[in-house]
C-alpha atoms as a PDB file:
ATOM      1  CA  MET A   1      13.664  14.856 -22.189  1.00  0.00           C
ATOM      2  CA  GLY A   2      16.889  12.985 -22.889  1.00  0.00           C
ATOM      3  CA  ALA A   3      19.741  12.699 -20.422  1.00  0.00           C
ATOM      4  CA  GLU A   4      22.044  14.295 -22.967  1.00  0.00           C
ATOM      5  CA  GLY A   5      20.473  17.691 -22.318  1.00  0.00           C
ATOM      6  CA  LEU A   6      20.787  17.725 -18.552  1.00  0.00           C
ATOM      7  CA  GLY A   7      24.261  16.532 -17.756  1.00  0.00           C
ATOM      8  CA  ASP A   8      27.694  16.269 -19.199  1.00  0.00           C
ATOM      9  CA  SER A   9      28.080  15.753 -22.916  1.00  0.00           C
ATOM     10  CA  SER A  10      27.865  11.947 -22.775  1.00  0.00           C
ATOM     11  CA  SER A  11      24.598  10.190 -22.080  1.00  0.00           C
ATOM     12  CA  ALA A  12      25.902   6.618 -21.825  1.00  0.00           C
ATOM     13  CA  GLY A  13      25.888   5.477 -18.218  1.00  0.00           C
ATOM     14  CA  SER A  14      24.031   8.569 -17.037  1.00  0.00           C
ATOM     15  CA  ASN A  15      20.785   8.997 -15.150  1.00  0.00           C
ATOM     16  CA  ALA A  16      18.084  11.567 -15.977  1.00  0.00           C
ATOM     17  CA  GLY A  17      19.902  14.224 -13.953  1.00  0.00           C
ATOM     18  CA  GLY A  18      23.066  13.690 -15.961  1.00  0.00           C
ATOM     19  CA  ALA A  19      25.190  12.145 -13.202  1.00  0.00           C
ATOM     20  CA  SER A  20      27.337   9.242 -14.241  1.00  0.00           C
ATOM     21  CA  LEU A  21      26.149   5.976 -12.766  1.00  0.00           C
ATOM     22  CA  LYS A  22      29.656   4.521 -13.033  1.00  0.00           C
ATOM     23  CA  PRO A  23      32.401   5.887 -10.748  1.00  0.00           C
ATOM     24  CA  GLU A  24      35.474   6.663 -12.814  1.00  0.00           C
ATOM     25  CA  GLY A  25      37.538   3.570 -13.453  1.00  0.00           C
ATOM     26  CA  GLN A  26      35.300   1.221 -11.472  1.00  0.00           C
ATOM     27  CA  GLY A  27      32.411   0.384 -13.819  1.00  0.00           C
ATOM     28  CA  ALA A  28      29.962  -0.022 -10.914  1.00  0.00           C
ATOM     29  CA  GLN A  29      27.129   2.061  -9.500  1.00  0.00           C
ATOM     30  CA  PRO A  30      27.821   4.216  -6.414  1.00  0.00           C
ATOM     31  CA  PRO A  31      26.526   2.919  -3.089  1.00  0.00           C
ATOM     32  CA  ALA A  32      22.811   3.433  -2.476  1.00  0.00           C
ATOM     33  CA  GLY A  33      22.142   6.543  -0.415  1.00  0.00           C
ATOM     34  CA  SER A  34      25.339   8.351  -1.463  1.00  0.00           C
ATOM     35  CA  VAL A  35      24.872  12.127  -1.567  1.00  0.00           C
ATOM     36  CA  PRO A  36      26.561  14.329  -4.194  1.00  0.00           C
ATOM     37  CA  ALA A  37      28.102  17.736  -3.459  1.00  0.00           C
ATOM     38  CA  ALA A  38      25.866  20.835  -3.609  1.00  0.00           C
ATOM     39  CA  ARG A  39      27.230  21.746  -7.062  1.00  0.00           C
ATOM     40  CA  PRO A  40      28.588  18.543  -8.585  1.00  0.00           C
ATOM     41  CA  PRO A  41      31.873  19.144 -10.397  1.00  0.00           C
ATOM     42  CA  GLY A  42      31.738  18.633 -14.142  1.00  0.00           C
ATOM     43  CA  ARG A  43      27.943  18.639 -14.344  1.00  0.00           C
ATOM     44  CA  ALA A  44      25.982  21.255 -16.192  1.00  0.00           C
ATOM     45  CA  ALA A  45      22.813  20.586 -14.182  1.00  0.00           C
ATOM     46  CA  TRP A  46      21.548  18.860 -11.080  1.00  0.00           C
ATOM     47  CA  LEU A  47      18.261  18.390  -9.253  1.00  0.00           C
ATOM     48  CA  GLY A  48      18.136  21.573  -7.218  1.00  0.00           C
ATOM     49  CA  HIS A  49      14.742  22.197  -5.607  1.00  0.00           C
ATOM     50  CA  VAL A  50      11.167  21.092  -5.196  1.00  0.00           C
ATOM     51  CA  ALA A  51       8.279  23.576  -5.026  1.00  0.00           C
ATOM     52  CA  LEU A  52       5.291  22.749  -2.848  1.00  0.00           C
ATOM     53  CA  ARG A  53       1.900  24.442  -2.555  1.00  0.00           C
ATOM     54  CA  VAL A  54       1.162  25.195   1.119  1.00  0.00           C
ATOM     55  CA  GLN A  55      -1.933  26.615   2.783  1.00  0.00           C
ATOM     56  CA  ASP A  56      -0.194  28.078   5.867  1.00  0.00           C
ATOM     57  CA  MET A  57       3.131  29.736   4.988  1.00  0.00           C
ATOM     58  CA  GLU A  58       4.187  30.450   8.575  1.00  0.00           C
ATOM     59  CA  ARG A  59       3.525  26.876   9.710  1.00  0.00           C
ATOM     60  CA  ALA A  60       5.399  25.476   6.690  1.00  0.00           C
ATOM     61  CA  LYS A  61       8.396  27.805   7.234  1.00  0.00           C
ATOM     62  CA  ARG A  62       8.593  26.749  10.898  1.00  0.00           C
ATOM     63  CA  PHE A  63       8.392  23.063   9.964  1.00  0.00           C
ATOM     64  CA  TYR A  64      11.118  23.167   7.298  1.00  0.00           C
ATOM     65  CA  GLY A  65      13.228  25.445   9.502  1.00  0.00           C
ATOM     66  CA  ALA A  66      13.026  22.804  12.242  1.00  0.00           C
ATOM     67  CA  MET A  67      14.191  20.276   9.625  1.00  0.00           C
ATOM     68  CA  GLY A  68      17.434  22.285   9.375  1.00  0.00           C
ATOM     69  CA  LEU A  69      16.742  24.388   6.283  1.00  0.00           C
ATOM     70  CA  GLU A  70      17.515  28.116   6.320  1.00  0.00           C
ATOM     71  CA  LEU A  71      15.061  30.724   5.070  1.00  0.00           C
ATOM     72  CA  THR A  72      16.785  32.628   2.245  1.00  0.00           C
ATOM     73  CA  TRP A  73      13.814  34.297   0.538  1.00  0.00           C
ATOM     74  CA  ASP A  74      10.667  35.397   2.333  1.00  0.00           C
ATOM     75  CA  ALA A  75       7.873  37.149   0.462  1.00  0.00           C
ATOM     76  CA  SER A  76       4.156  37.304   1.114  1.00  0.00           C
ATOM     77  CA  ASP A  77       3.430  34.842  -1.717  1.00  0.00           C
ATOM     78  CA  TRP A  78       6.428  32.465  -1.595  1.00  0.00           C
ATOM     79  CA  ALA A  79       9.450  31.497   0.458  1.00  0.00           C
ATOM     80  CA  TYR A  80      12.649  29.579  -0.252  1.00  0.00           C
ATOM     81  CA  LEU A  81      14.471  27.465   2.299  1.00  0.00           C
ATOM     82  CA  GLN A  82      17.695  25.631   1.573  1.00  0.00           C
ATOM     83  CA  ARG A  83      20.479  23.653   3.157  1.00  0.00           C
ATOM     84  CA  PRO A  84      22.845  25.796   5.244  1.00  0.00           C
ATOM     85  CA  ASP A  85      25.681  25.078   2.779  1.00  0.00           C
ATOM     86  CA  GLY A  86      23.614  26.700   0.013  1.00  0.00           C
ATOM     87  CA  GLY A  87      22.647  23.473  -1.665  1.00  0.00           C
ATOM     88  CA  ASP A  88      19.254  22.145  -2.662  1.00  0.00           C
ATOM     89  CA  GLY A  89      16.077  23.587  -1.236  1.00  0.00           C
ATOM     90  CA  ILE A  90      12.328  23.834  -1.050  1.00  0.00           C
ATOM     91  CA  ALA A  91      10.165  26.616  -2.469  1.00  0.00           C
ATOM     92  CA  LEU A  92       6.936  27.130  -0.555  1.00  0.00           C
ATOM     93  CA  LEU A  93       4.146  28.556  -2.721  1.00  0.00           C
ATOM     94  CA  SER A  94       1.211  30.254  -1.030  1.00  0.00           C
ATOM     95  CA  PRO A  95      -2.303  29.981  -2.459  1.00  0.00           C
ATOM     96  CA  ASP A  96      -1.753  33.548  -3.791  1.00  0.00           C
ATOM     97  CA  TYR A  97       1.368  32.611  -5.793  1.00  0.00           C
ATOM     98  CA  LYS A  98       0.298  32.405  -9.447  1.00  0.00           C
ATOM     99  CA  ALA A  99       3.588  32.364 -11.416  1.00  0.00           C
ATOM    100  CA  ALA A 100       4.018  28.586 -11.038  1.00  0.00           C
ATOM    101  CA  GLY A 101       2.539  25.576  -9.318  1.00  0.00           C
ATOM    102  CA  PRO A 102       4.167  22.572  -7.664  1.00  0.00           C
ATOM    103  CA  HIS A 103       7.216  21.380  -9.609  1.00  0.00           C
ATOM    104  CA  PHE A 104      10.793  20.171  -9.357  1.00  0.00           C
ATOM    105  CA  ALA A 105      13.778  21.962 -10.859  1.00  0.00           C
ATOM    106  CA  PHE A 106      17.088  21.213 -12.489  1.00  0.00           C
ATOM    107  CA  HIS A 107      19.640  23.913 -11.640  1.00  0.00           C
ATOM    108  CA  PHE A 108      22.294  25.092 -14.089  1.00  0.00           C
ATOM    109  CA  ALA A 109      25.530  26.989 -13.451  1.00  0.00           C
ATOM    110  CA  SER A 110      24.969  29.602 -16.186  1.00  0.00           C
ATOM    111  CA  ARG A 111      22.085  31.456 -17.783  1.00  0.00           C
ATOM    112  CA  GLU A 112      23.589  30.571 -21.162  1.00  0.00           C
ATOM    113  CA  GLN A 113      23.165  26.850 -20.405  1.00  0.00           C
ATOM    114  CA  VAL A 114      19.491  27.397 -19.586  1.00  0.00           C
ATOM    115  CA  ALA A 115      19.023  29.421 -22.783  1.00  0.00           C
ATOM    116  CA  ALA A 116      20.733  26.667 -24.802  1.00  0.00           C
ATOM    117  CA  GLU A 117      18.455  24.016 -23.253  1.00  0.00           C
ATOM    118  CA  HIS A 118      15.433  26.220 -24.011  1.00  0.00           C
ATOM    119  CA  SER A 119      16.463  26.450 -27.675  1.00  0.00           C
ATOM    120  CA  ARG A 120      17.310  22.744 -27.895  1.00  0.00           C
ATOM    121  CA  LEU A 121      13.983  21.641 -26.411  1.00  0.00           C
ATOM    122  CA  GLN A 122      12.059  24.011 -28.706  1.00  0.00           C
ATOM    123  CA  ALA A 123      13.939  22.537 -31.685  1.00  0.00           C
ATOM    124  CA  GLU A 124      12.899  19.059 -30.465  1.00  0.00           C
ATOM    125  CA  GLY A 125       9.291  20.268 -30.718  1.00  0.00           C
ATOM    126  CA  LEU A 126       8.589  20.312 -26.985  1.00  0.00           C
ATOM    127  CA  PRO A 127       6.279  23.041 -25.691  1.00  0.00           C
ATOM    128  CA  VAL A 128       8.379  25.170 -23.350  1.00  0.00           C
ATOM    129  CA  GLY A 129       7.457  28.335 -21.509  1.00  0.00           C
ATOM    130  CA  GLU A 130       9.191  31.662 -21.911  1.00  0.00           C
ATOM    131  CA  LEU A 131      12.687  32.069 -20.450  1.00  0.00           C
ATOM    132  CA  HIS A 132      12.454  34.868 -17.899  1.00  0.00           C
ATOM    133  CA  ASP A 133      14.461  36.521 -15.124  1.00  0.00           C
ATOM    134  CA  HIS A 134      13.268  36.301 -11.513  1.00  0.00           C
ATOM    135  CA  ARG A 135      13.453  38.799  -8.660  1.00  0.00           C
ATOM    136  CA  ASP A 136      15.897  36.565  -6.732  1.00  0.00           C
ATOM    137  CA  GLY A 137      18.629  36.747  -9.403  1.00  0.00           C
ATOM    138  CA  THR A 138      17.781  33.464 -11.116  1.00  0.00           C
ATOM    139  CA  ALA A 139      16.352  32.839 -14.590  1.00  0.00           C
ATOM    140  CA  SER A 140      14.255  29.903 -15.783  1.00  0.00           C
ATOM    141  CA  PHE A 141      11.548  28.384 -17.906  1.00  0.00           C
ATOM    142  CA  TYR A 142       8.927  25.713 -17.255  1.00  0.00           C
ATOM    143  CA  LEU A 143       7.667  22.710 -19.173  1.00  0.00           C
ATOM    144  CA  GLN A 144       5.652  19.561 -18.542  1.00  0.00           C
ATOM    145  CA  ASP A 145       6.773  15.966 -18.944  1.00  0.00           C
ATOM    146  CA  PRO A 146       4.567  13.520 -20.910  1.00  0.00           C
ATOM    147  CA  GLU A 147       2.704  12.631 -17.691  1.00  0.00           C
ATOM    148  CA  GLY A 148       1.782  16.255 -16.959  1.00  0.00           C
ATOM    149  CA  ASN A 149       4.344  16.864 -14.187  1.00  0.00           C
ATOM    150  CA  TRP A 150       5.803  20.372 -14.161  1.00  0.00           C
ATOM    151  CA  LEU A 151       9.538  20.942 -14.150  1.00  0.00           C
ATOM    152  CA  GLU A 152      11.708  24.021 -14.242  1.00  0.00           C
ATOM    153  CA  LEU A 153      15.142  24.545 -15.759  1.00  0.00           C
ATOM    154  CA  LEU A 154      16.758  27.249 -13.658  1.00  0.00           C
ATOM    155  CA  TYR A 155      20.000  29.239 -13.717  1.00  0.00           C
ATOM    156  CA  GLU A 156      21.421  29.487 -10.198  1.00  0.00           C
ATOM    157  CA  PRO A 157      24.144  32.145  -9.807  1.00  0.00           C
ATOM    158  CA  GLU A 158      27.518  30.981  -8.451  1.00  0.00           C
ATOM    159  CA  ALA A 159      26.797  32.850  -5.203  1.00  0.00           C
ATOM    160  CA  GLY A 160      23.536  30.902  -4.842  1.00  0.00           C
ATOM    161  CA  ILE A 161      19.915  31.933  -4.954  1.00  0.00           C
ATOM    162  CA  GLY A 162      19.542  35.556  -3.909  1.00  0.00           C
ATOM    163  CA  SER A 163      18.152  36.509  -0.517  1.00  0.00           C
ATOM    164  CA  ASN A 164      15.844  39.312   0.530  1.00  0.00           C
ATOM    165  CA  ARG A 165      16.654  38.641   4.188  1.00  0.00           C
ATOM    166  CA  SER A 166      18.907  41.051   6.081  1.00  0.00           C
END
């Protein structure tokens, strides 16, 4: 997948996530270890979450909770924990979760952007899964890179990923 599909409209000087490698007016790379904002301004997409298969959901939720992540979705087959500011997160997939396996995801600010990427990638001849709506208010589709790694392109609502927690 080309950088042009996952970031701003220019691909020169961009990484795979679409972020410019050159700070405006400086022509140099940002310092190693710099951390972007939760929703980078001017970017259509950013690396948003990683999904892991876990054998013991309760143990995994406790571990990632102790790491400072907040539980925002808790179902019998999967859970989602994310930074307290609503940024990136981790999806924990139980052995019973069958809709997807381990993957990483690029998040987009609108469902229309995800639909446009879906159409663009299909036109490029890449095998993409069906675009579908999820129970947490998001929408996405899955595909594999040439090495067989799964990735997801996901619409994340402005208010963040929905919660089923009271």
